[in-house]
């Protein structure tokens, strides 16, 4: 039976690094990092939501202004038509 020590060494090294990696991912420092990153994401979300609200409000104002302009033009056209008929 021929043992390939290179493969055994690679397996052992991978297991060692994997175990160390898991300990690092669940360490207190990692948890602090996750908390800080999550807080940053929540702040970014709030900023995006505020911007979206402002855009929506501006769009509503623009739509209302456009409707007013069109109503004014329609009224002016109607008045002009009445004057032409008279």
PDB file of N, CA and C in Angstrom:
ATOM      1  N   UNK A   1       0.846  -1.170   0.000  1.00  0.00           N
ATOM      2  CA  UNK A   1       0.000   0.000   0.000  1.00  0.00           C
ATOM      3  C   UNK A   1       0.892   1.233   0.000  1.00  0.00           C
ATOM      4  N   UNK A   2       0.610   2.111  -0.963  1.00  0.00           N
ATOM      5  CA  UNK A   2       1.432   3.301  -1.145  1.00  0.00           C
ATOM      6  C   UNK A   2       0.627   4.521  -0.695  1.00  0.00           C
ATOM      7  N   UNK A   3       1.107   5.226   0.310  1.00  0.00           N
ATOM      8  CA  UNK A   3       0.425   6.413   0.846  1.00  0.00           C
ATOM      9  C   UNK A   3       1.008   7.643   0.177  1.00  0.00           C
ATOM     10  N   UNK A   4       0.139   8.459  -0.357  1.00  0.00           N
ATOM     11  CA  UNK A   4       0.568   9.706  -0.983  1.00  0.00           C
ATOM     12  C   UNK A   4       0.593  10.773   0.110  1.00  0.00           C
ATOM     13  N   UNK A   5       1.782  11.019   0.658  1.00  0.00           N
ATOM     14  CA  UNK A   5       1.931  11.927   1.794  1.00  0.00           C
ATOM     15  C   UNK A   5       1.623  13.373   1.409  1.00  0.00           C
ATOM     16  N   UNK A   6       1.799  13.674   0.147  1.00  0.00           N
ATOM     17  CA  UNK A   6       1.487  15.033  -0.285  1.00  0.00           C
ATOM     18  C   UNK A   6      -0.014  15.312  -0.119  1.00  0.00           C
ATOM     19  N   UNK A   7      -0.860  14.360  -0.531  1.00  0.00           N
ATOM     20  CA  UNK A   7      -2.308  14.525  -0.399  1.00  0.00           C
ATOM     21  C   UNK A   7      -2.727  14.542   1.067  1.00  0.00           C
ATOM     22  N   UNK A   8      -2.095  13.706   1.877  1.00  0.00           N
ATOM     23  CA  UNK A   8      -2.399  13.681   3.310  1.00  0.00           C
ATOM     24  C   UNK A   8      -2.029  15.019   3.942  1.00  0.00           C
ATOM     25  N   UNK A   9      -0.876  15.553   3.553  1.00  0.00           N
ATOM     26  CA  UNK A   9      -0.425  16.852   4.081  1.00  0.00           C
ATOM     27  C   UNK A   9      -1.362  17.973   3.668  1.00  0.00           C
ATOM     28  N   UNK A  10      -1.784  17.946   2.394  1.00  0.00           N
ATOM     29  CA  UNK A  10      -2.721  18.968   1.928  1.00  0.00           C
ATOM     30  C   UNK A  10      -4.056  18.880   2.662  1.00  0.00           C
ATOM     31  N   UNK A  11      -4.537  17.673   2.882  1.00  0.00           N
ATOM     32  CA  UNK A  11      -5.785  17.486   3.624  1.00  0.00           C
ATOM     33  C   UNK A  11      -5.655  18.010   5.045  1.00  0.00           C
ATOM     34  N   UNK A  12      -4.568  17.657   5.707  1.00  0.00           N
ATOM     35  CA  UNK A  12      -4.348  18.105   7.088  1.00  0.00           C
ATOM     36  C   UNK A  12      -4.224  19.630   7.147  1.00  0.00           C
ATOM     37  N   UNK A  13      -3.500  20.199   6.193  1.00  0.00           N
ATOM     38  CA  UNK A  13      -3.358  21.660   6.154  1.00  0.00           C
ATOM     39  C   UNK A  13      -4.684  22.343   5.915  1.00  0.00           C
ATOM     40  N   UNK A  14      -5.487  21.803   4.995  1.00  0.00           N
ATOM     41  CA  UNK A  14      -6.804  22.371   4.721  1.00  0.00           C
ATOM     42  C   UNK A  14      -7.716  22.302   5.931  1.00  0.00           C
ATOM     43  N   UNK A  15      -7.654  21.176   6.630  1.00  0.00           N
ATOM     44  CA  UNK A  15      -8.461  21.025   7.848  1.00  0.00           C
ATOM     45  C   UNK A  15      -8.037  22.037   8.904  1.00  0.00           C
ATOM     46  N   UNK A  16      -6.724  22.211   9.058  1.00  0.00           N
ATOM     47  CA  UNK A  16      -6.186  23.162  10.036  1.00  0.00           C
ATOM     48  C   UNK A  16      -6.623  24.588   9.703  1.00  0.00           C
ATOM     49  N   UNK A  17      -6.450  24.986   8.426  1.00  0.00           N
ATOM     50  CA  UNK A  17      -6.846  26.338   8.032  1.00  0.00           C
ATOM     51  C   UNK A  17      -8.363  26.527   8.114  1.00  0.00           C
ATOM     52  N   UNK A  18      -9.109  25.502   7.776  1.00  0.00           N
ATOM     53  CA  UNK A  18     -10.563  25.582   7.875  1.00  0.00           C
ATOM     54  C   UNK A  18     -11.022  25.774   9.303  1.00  0.00           C
ATOM     55  N   UNK A  19     -10.437  25.030  10.223  1.00  0.00           N
ATOM     56  CA  UNK A  19     -10.784  25.160  11.640  1.00  0.00           C
ATOM     57  C   UNK A  19     -10.410  26.538  12.159  1.00  0.00           C
ATOM     58  N   UNK A  20      -9.211  27.006  11.791  1.00  0.00           N
ATOM     59  CA  UNK A  20      -8.778  28.340  12.216  1.00  0.00           C
ATOM     60  C   UNK A  20      -9.700  29.406  11.616  1.00  0.00           C
ATOM     61  N   UNK A  21     -10.101  29.225  10.363  1.00  0.00           N
ATOM     62  CA  UNK A  21     -10.987  30.189   9.705  1.00  0.00           C
ATOM     63  C   UNK A  21     -12.335  30.284  10.393  1.00  0.00           C
ATOM     64  N   UNK A  22     -12.875  29.145  10.801  1.00  0.00           N
ATOM     65  CA  UNK A  22     -14.163  29.145  11.503  1.00  0.00           C
ATOM     66  C   UNK A  22     -14.036  29.858  12.842  1.00  0.00           C
ATOM     67  N   UNK A  23     -12.956  29.628  13.537  1.00  0.00           N
ATOM     68  CA  UNK A  23     -12.762  30.310  14.828  1.00  0.00           C
ATOM     69  C   UNK A  23     -12.652  31.819  14.621  1.00  0.00           C
ATOM     70  N   UNK A  24     -11.985  32.224  13.541  1.00  0.00           N
ATOM     71  CA  UNK A  24     -11.851  33.656  13.259  1.00  0.00           C
ATOM     72  C   UNK A  24     -13.215  34.260  12.912  1.00  0.00           C
ATOM     73  N   UNK A  25     -14.007  33.541  12.105  1.00  0.00           N
ATOM     74  CA  UNK A  25     -15.313  34.061  11.692  1.00  0.00           C
ATOM     75  C   UNK A  25     -16.275  34.249  12.862  1.00  0.00           C
ATOM     76  N   UNK A  26     -16.114  33.450  13.906  1.00  0.00           N
ATOM     77  CA  UNK A  26     -17.018  33.536  15.053  1.00  0.00           C
ATOM     78  C   UNK A  26     -16.375  34.206  16.265  1.00  0.00           C
ATOM     79  N   UNK A  27     -15.257  34.879  16.061  1.00  0.00           N
ATOM     80  CA  UNK A  27     -14.590  35.555  17.173  1.00  0.00           C
ATOM     81  C   UNK A  27     -15.332  36.848  17.529  1.00  0.00           C
ATOM     82  N   UNK A  28     -15.007  37.392  18.702  1.00  0.00           N
ATOM     83  CA  UNK A  28     -15.643  38.646  19.149  1.00  0.00           C
ATOM     84  C   UNK A  28     -15.292  39.799  18.218  1.00  0.00           C
ATOM     85  N   UNK A  29     -14.050  39.834  17.738  1.00  0.00           N
ATOM     86  CA  UNK A  29     -13.659  40.903  16.817  1.00  0.00           C
ATOM     87  C   UNK A  29     -14.455  40.826  15.520  1.00  0.00           C
ATOM     88  N   UNK A  30     -14.678  39.623  15.037  1.00  0.00           N
ATOM     89  CA  UNK A  30     -15.466  39.456  13.817  1.00  0.00           C
ATOM     90  C   UNK A  30     -16.904  39.904  14.055  1.00  0.00           C
ATOM     91  N   UNK A  31     -17.465  39.584  15.208  1.00  0.00           N
ATOM     92  CA  UNK A  31     -18.829  40.000  15.524  1.00  0.00           C
ATOM     93  C   UNK A  31     -18.936  41.521  15.563  1.00  0.00           C
ATOM     94  N   UNK A  32     -17.905  42.181  16.113  1.00  0.00           N
ATOM     95  CA  UNK A  32     -17.898  43.645  16.129  1.00  0.00           C
ATOM     96  C   UNK A  32     -17.871  44.191  14.706  1.00  0.00           C
ATOM     97  N   UNK A  33     -17.059  43.575  13.848  1.00  0.00           N
ATOM     98  CA  UNK A  33     -16.985  43.992  12.456  1.00  0.00           C
ATOM     99  C   UNK A  33     -18.328  43.808  11.762  1.00  0.00           C
ATOM    100  N   UNK A  34     -18.966  42.665  11.986  1.00  0.00           N
ATOM    101  CA  UNK A  34     -20.280  42.415  11.388  1.00  0.00           C
ATOM    102  C   UNK A  34     -21.288  43.452  11.858  1.00  0.00           C
ATOM    103  N   UNK A  35     -21.228  43.818  13.129  1.00  0.00           N
ATOM    104  CA  UNK A  35     -22.153  44.802  13.696  1.00  0.00           C
ATOM    105  C   UNK A  35     -21.945  46.167  13.054  1.00  0.00           C
ATOM    106  N   UNK A  36     -20.688  46.575  12.922  1.00  0.00           N
ATOM    107  CA  UNK A  36     -20.379  47.870  12.312  1.00  0.00           C
ATOM    108  C   UNK A  36     -20.828  47.892  10.853  1.00  0.00           C
ATOM    109  N   UNK A  37     -20.577  46.820  10.131  1.00  0.00           N
ATOM    110  CA  UNK A  37     -20.986  46.745   8.721  1.00  0.00           C
ATOM    111  C   UNK A  37     -22.505  46.767   8.584  1.00  0.00           C
ATOM    112  N   UNK A  38     -23.191  46.062   9.459  1.00  0.00           N
ATOM    113  CA  UNK A  38     -24.654  46.050   9.418  1.00  0.00           C
ATOM    114  C   UNK A  38     -25.210  47.437   9.722  1.00  0.00           C
ATOM    115  N   UNK A  39     -24.608  48.136  10.666  1.00  0.00           N
ATOM    116  CA  UNK A  39     -25.046  49.500  10.980  1.00  0.00           C
ATOM    117  C   UNK A  39     -24.849  50.416   9.774  1.00  0.00           C
ATOM    118  N   UNK A  40     -23.740  50.257   9.063  1.00  0.00           N
ATOM    119  CA  UNK A  40     -23.485  51.068   7.871  1.00  0.00           C
ATOM    120  C   UNK A  40     -24.522  50.777   6.786  1.00  0.00           C
ATOM    121  N   UNK A  41     -24.866  49.524   6.623  1.00  0.00           N
ATOM    122  CA  UNK A  41     -25.880  49.147   5.631  1.00  0.00           C
ATOM    123  C   UNK A  41     -27.232  49.757   6.002  1.00  0.00           C
ATOM    124  N   UNK A  42     -27.577  49.730   7.279  1.00  0.00           N
ATOM    125  CA  UNK A  42     -28.853  50.314   7.711  1.00  0.00           C
ATOM    126  C   UNK A  42     -28.881  51.825   7.474  1.00  0.00           C
ATOM    127  N   UNK A  43     -27.746  52.497   7.707  1.00  0.00           N
ATOM    128  CA  UNK A  43     -27.667  53.939   7.439  1.00  0.00           C
ATOM    129  C   UNK A  43     -27.826  54.204   5.948  1.00  0.00           C
ATOM    130  N   UNK A  44     -27.183  53.391   5.132  1.00  0.00           N
ATOM    131  CA  UNK A  44     -27.287  53.554   3.683  1.00  0.00           C
ATOM    132  C   UNK A  44     -28.725  53.336   3.228  1.00  0.00           C
ATOM    133  N   UNK A  45     -29.381  52.336   3.798  1.00  0.00           N
ATOM    134  CA  UNK A  45     -30.780  52.059   3.447  1.00  0.00           C
ATOM    135  C   UNK A  45     -31.648  53.268   3.783  1.00  0.00           C
ATOM    136  N   UNK A  46     -31.436  53.851   4.942  1.00  0.00           N
ATOM    137  CA  UNK A  46     -32.209  55.022   5.364  1.00  0.00           C
ATOM    138  C   UNK A  46     -31.980  56.184   4.392  1.00  0.00           C
ATOM    139  N   UNK A  47     -30.760  56.380   3.985  1.00  0.00           N
ATOM    140  CA  UNK A  47     -30.429  57.451   3.036  1.00  0.00           C
ATOM    141  C   UNK A  47     -31.132  57.214   1.699  1.00  0.00           C
ATOM    142  N   UNK A  48     -31.111  55.985   1.221  1.00  0.00           N
ATOM    143  CA  UNK A  48     -31.766  55.653  -0.045  1.00  0.00           C
ATOM    144  C   UNK A  48     -33.273  55.867   0.076  1.00  0.00           C
ATOM    145  N   UNK A  49     -33.853  55.466   1.187  1.00  0.00           N
ATOM    146  CA  UNK A  49     -35.296  55.638   1.369  1.00  0.00           C
ATOM    147  C   UNK A  49     -35.670  57.117   1.422  1.00  0.00           C
ATOM    148  N   UNK A  50     -34.847  57.938   2.089  1.00  0.00           N
ATOM    149  CA  UNK A  50     -35.104  59.381   2.134  1.00  0.00           C
ATOM    150  C   UNK A  50     -35.042  59.979   0.736  1.00  0.00           C
ATOM    151  N   UNK A  51     -34.049  59.574  -0.035  1.00  0.00           N
ATOM    152  CA  UNK A  51     -33.901  60.079  -1.396  1.00  0.00           C
ATOM    153  C   UNK A  51     -35.093  59.661  -2.250  1.00  0.00           C
ATOM    154  N   UNK A  52     -35.512  58.416  -2.122  1.00  0.00           N
ATOM    155  CA  UNK A  52     -36.655  57.931  -2.894  1.00  0.00           C
ATOM    156  C   UNK A  52     -37.917  58.705  -2.534  1.00  0.00           C
ATOM    157  N   UNK A  53     -38.098  58.998  -1.256  1.00  0.00           N
ATOM    158  CA  UNK A  53     -39.260  59.772  -0.821  1.00  0.00           C
ATOM    159  C   UNK A  53     -39.224  61.171  -1.420  1.00  0.00           C
ATOM    160  N   UNK A  54     -38.046  61.800  -1.400  1.00  0.00           N
ATOM    161  CA  UNK A  54     -37.916  63.146  -1.974  1.00  0.00           C
ATOM    162  C   UNK A  54     -38.198  63.141  -3.471  1.00  0.00           C
ATOM    163  N   UNK A  55     -37.699  62.139  -4.165  1.00  0.00           N
ATOM    164  CA  UNK A  55     -37.940  62.042  -5.611  1.00  0.00           C
ATOM    165  C   UNK A  55     -39.433  61.865  -5.874  1.00  0.00           C
ATOM    166  N   UNK A  56     -40.079  61.025  -5.092  1.00  0.00           N
ATOM    167  CA  UNK A  56     -41.514  60.795  -5.271  1.00  0.00           C
ATOM    168  C   UNK A  56     -42.309  62.082  -5.015  1.00  0.00           C
ATOM    169  N   UNK A  57     -41.952  62.804  -3.960  1.00  0.00           N
ATOM    170  CA  UNK A  57     -42.652  64.054  -3.658  1.00  0.00           C
ATOM    171  C   UNK A  57     -42.451  65.067  -4.777  1.00  0.00           C
ATOM    172  N   UNK A  58     -41.232  65.162  -5.289  1.00  0.00           N
ATOM    173  CA  UNK A  58     -40.967  66.097  -6.385  1.00  0.00           C
ATOM    174  C   UNK A  58     -41.737  65.698  -7.642  1.00  0.00           C
ATOM    175  N   UNK A  59     -41.807  64.412  -7.906  1.00  0.00           N
ATOM    176  CA  UNK A  59     -42.547  63.935  -9.079  1.00  0.00           C
ATOM    177  C   UNK A  59     -44.027  64.279  -8.944  1.00  0.00           C
ATOM    178  N   UNK A  60     -44.571  64.146  -7.744  1.00  0.00           N
ATOM    179  CA  UNK A  60     -45.978  64.495  -7.518  1.00  0.00           C
ATOM    180  C   UNK A  60     -46.200  65.994  -7.736  1.00  0.00           C
ATOM    181  N   UNK A  61     -45.239  66.818  -7.254  1.00  0.00           N
ATOM    182  CA  UNK A  61     -45.347  68.262  -7.459  1.00  0.00           C
ATOM    183  C   UNK A  61     -45.279  68.609  -8.947  1.00  0.00           C
ATOM    184  N   UNK A  62     -44.401  67.961  -9.673  1.00  0.00           N
ATOM    185  CA  UNK A  62     -44.257  68.212 -11.109  1.00  0.00           C
ATOM    186  C   UNK A  62     -45.535  67.808 -11.836  1.00  0.00           C
ATOM    187  N   UNK A  63     -46.078  66.656 -11.479  1.00  0.00           N
ATOM    188  CA  UNK A  63     -47.313  66.187 -12.108  1.00  0.00           C
ATOM    189  C   UNK A  63     -48.454  67.168 -11.846  1.00  0.00           C
ATOM    190  N   UNK A  64     -48.567  67.638 -10.608  1.00  0.00           N
ATOM    191  CA  UNK A  64     -49.631  68.600 -10.281  1.00  0.00           C
ATOM    192  C   UNK A  64     -49.437  69.896 -11.067  1.00  0.00           C
ATOM    193  N   UNK A  65     -48.210  70.357 -11.172  1.00  0.00           N
ATOM    194  CA  UNK A  65     -47.933  71.572 -11.945  1.00  0.00           C
ATOM    195  C   UNK A  65     -48.259  71.392 -13.419  1.00  0.00           C
ATOM    196  N   UNK A  66     -47.914  70.231 -13.969  1.00  0.00           N
ATOM    197  CA  UNK A  66     -48.212  69.960 -15.379  1.00  0.00           C
ATOM    198  C   UNK A  66     -49.721  69.922 -15.615  1.00  0.00           C
ATOM    199  N   UNK A  67     -50.458  69.330 -14.695  1.00  0.00           N
ATOM    200  CA  UNK A  67     -51.922  69.296 -14.828  1.00  0.00           C
ATOM    201  C   UNK A  67     -52.501  70.709 -14.779  1.00  0.00           C
ATOM    202  N   UNK A  68     -51.967  71.549 -13.884  1.00  0.00           N
ATOM    203  CA  UNK A  68     -52.427  72.937 -13.798  1.00  0.00           C
ATOM    204  C   UNK A  68     -52.168  73.676 -15.105  1.00  0.00           C
ATOM    205  N   UNK A  69     -50.990  73.482 -15.679  1.00  0.00           N
ATOM    206  CA  UNK A  69     -50.656  74.134 -16.947  1.00  0.00           C
ATOM    207  C   UNK A  69     -51.623  73.694 -18.039  1.00  0.00           C
ATOM    208  N   UNK A  70     -51.857  72.396 -18.130  1.00  0.00           N
ATOM    209  CA  UNK A  70     -52.767  71.889 -19.164  1.00  0.00           C
ATOM    210  C   UNK A  70     -54.190  72.383 -18.961  1.00  0.00           C
ATOM    211  N   UNK A  71     -54.642  72.454 -17.718  1.00  0.00           N
ATOM    212  CA  UNK A  71     -55.981  72.985 -17.443  1.00  0.00           C
ATOM    213  C   UNK A  71     -56.062  74.458 -17.840  1.00  0.00           C
ATOM    214  N   UNK A  72     -55.007  75.199 -17.532  1.00  0.00           N
ATOM    215  CA  UNK A  72     -54.978  76.624 -17.910  1.00  0.00           C
ATOM    216  C   UNK A  72     -55.011  76.794 -19.416  1.00  0.00           C
ATOM    217  N   UNK A  73     -54.248  75.983 -20.129  1.00  0.00           N
ATOM    218  CA  UNK A  73     -54.251  76.062 -21.597  1.00  0.00           C
ATOM    219  C   UNK A  73     -55.615  75.681 -22.163  1.00  0.00           C
ATOM    220  N   UNK A  74     -56.221  74.647 -21.601  1.00  0.00           N
ATOM    221  CA  UNK A  74     -57.536  74.215 -22.083  1.00  0.00           C
ATOM    222  C   UNK A  74     -58.565  75.313 -21.838  1.00  0.00           C
ATOM    223  N   UNK A  75     -58.483  75.949 -20.682  1.00  0.00           N
ATOM    224  CA  UNK A  75     -59.416  77.020 -20.364  1.00  0.00           C
ATOM    225  C   UNK A  75     -59.190  78.210 -21.297  1.00  0.00           C
ATOM    226  N   UNK A  76     -57.938  78.547 -21.553  1.00  0.00           N
ATOM    227  CA  UNK A  76     -57.633  79.666 -22.450  1.00  0.00           C
ATOM    228  C   UNK A  76     -58.123  79.356 -23.859  1.00  0.00           C
ATOM    229  N   UNK A  77     -57.952  78.113 -24.297  1.00  0.00           N
ATOM    230  CA  UNK A  77     -58.423  77.722 -25.626  1.00  0.00           C
ATOM    231  C   UNK A  77     -59.941  77.802 -25.713  1.00  0.00           C
ATOM    232  N   UNK A  78     -60.596  77.377 -24.650  1.00  0.00           N
ATOM    233  CA  UNK A  78     -62.062  77.433 -24.617  1.00  0.00           C
ATOM    234  C   UNK A  78     -62.541  78.878 -24.668  1.00  0.00           C
ATOM    235  N   UNK A  79     -61.863  79.748 -23.909  1.00  0.00           N
ATOM    236  CA  UNK A  79     -62.226  81.176 -23.922  1.00  0.00           C
ATOM    237  C   UNK A  79     -61.994  81.784 -25.304  1.00  0.00           C
ATOM    238  N   UNK A  80     -60.897  81.394 -25.937  1.00  0.00           N
ATOM    239  CA  UNK A  80     -60.584  81.916 -27.268  1.00  0.00           C
ATOM    240  C   UNK A  80     -61.638  81.451 -28.276  1.00  0.00           C
ATOM    241  N   UNK A  81     -62.070  80.197 -28.124  1.00  0.00           N
ATOM    242  CA  UNK A  81     -63.095  79.657 -29.011  1.00  0.00           C
ATOM    243  C   UNK A  81     -64.406  80.415 -28.833  1.00  0.00           C
ATOM    244  N   UNK A  82     -64.768  80.742 -27.583  1.00  0.00           N
ATOM    245  CA  UNK A  82     -65.994  81.501 -27.316  1.00  0.00           C
ATOM    246  C   UNK A  82     -65.912  82.897 -27.895  1.00  0.00           C
ATOM    247  N   UNK A  83     -64.743  83.542 -27.809  1.00  0.00           N
ATOM    248  CA  UNK A  83     -64.571  84.881 -28.365  1.00  0.00           C
ATOM    249  C   UNK A  83     -64.670  84.845 -29.887  1.00  0.00           C
ATOM    250  N   UNK A  84     -64.091  83.801 -30.481  1.00  0.00           N
ATOM    251  CA  UNK A  84     -64.133  83.684 -31.940  1.00  0.00           C
ATOM    252  C   UNK A  84     -65.566  83.484 -32.420  1.00  0.00           C
ATOM    253  N   UNK A  85     -66.358  82.747 -31.661  1.00  0.00           N
ATOM    254  CA  UNK A  85     -67.744  82.482 -32.044  1.00  0.00           C
ATOM    255  C   UNK A  85     -68.610  83.721 -31.876  1.00  0.00           C
ATOM    256  N   UNK A  86     -68.235  84.579 -30.920  1.00  0.00           N
ATOM    257  CA  UNK A  86     -69.053  85.765 -30.630  1.00  0.00           C
ATOM    258  C   UNK A  86     -68.845  86.857 -31.606  1.00  0.00           C
TER     259      UNK A  86
END
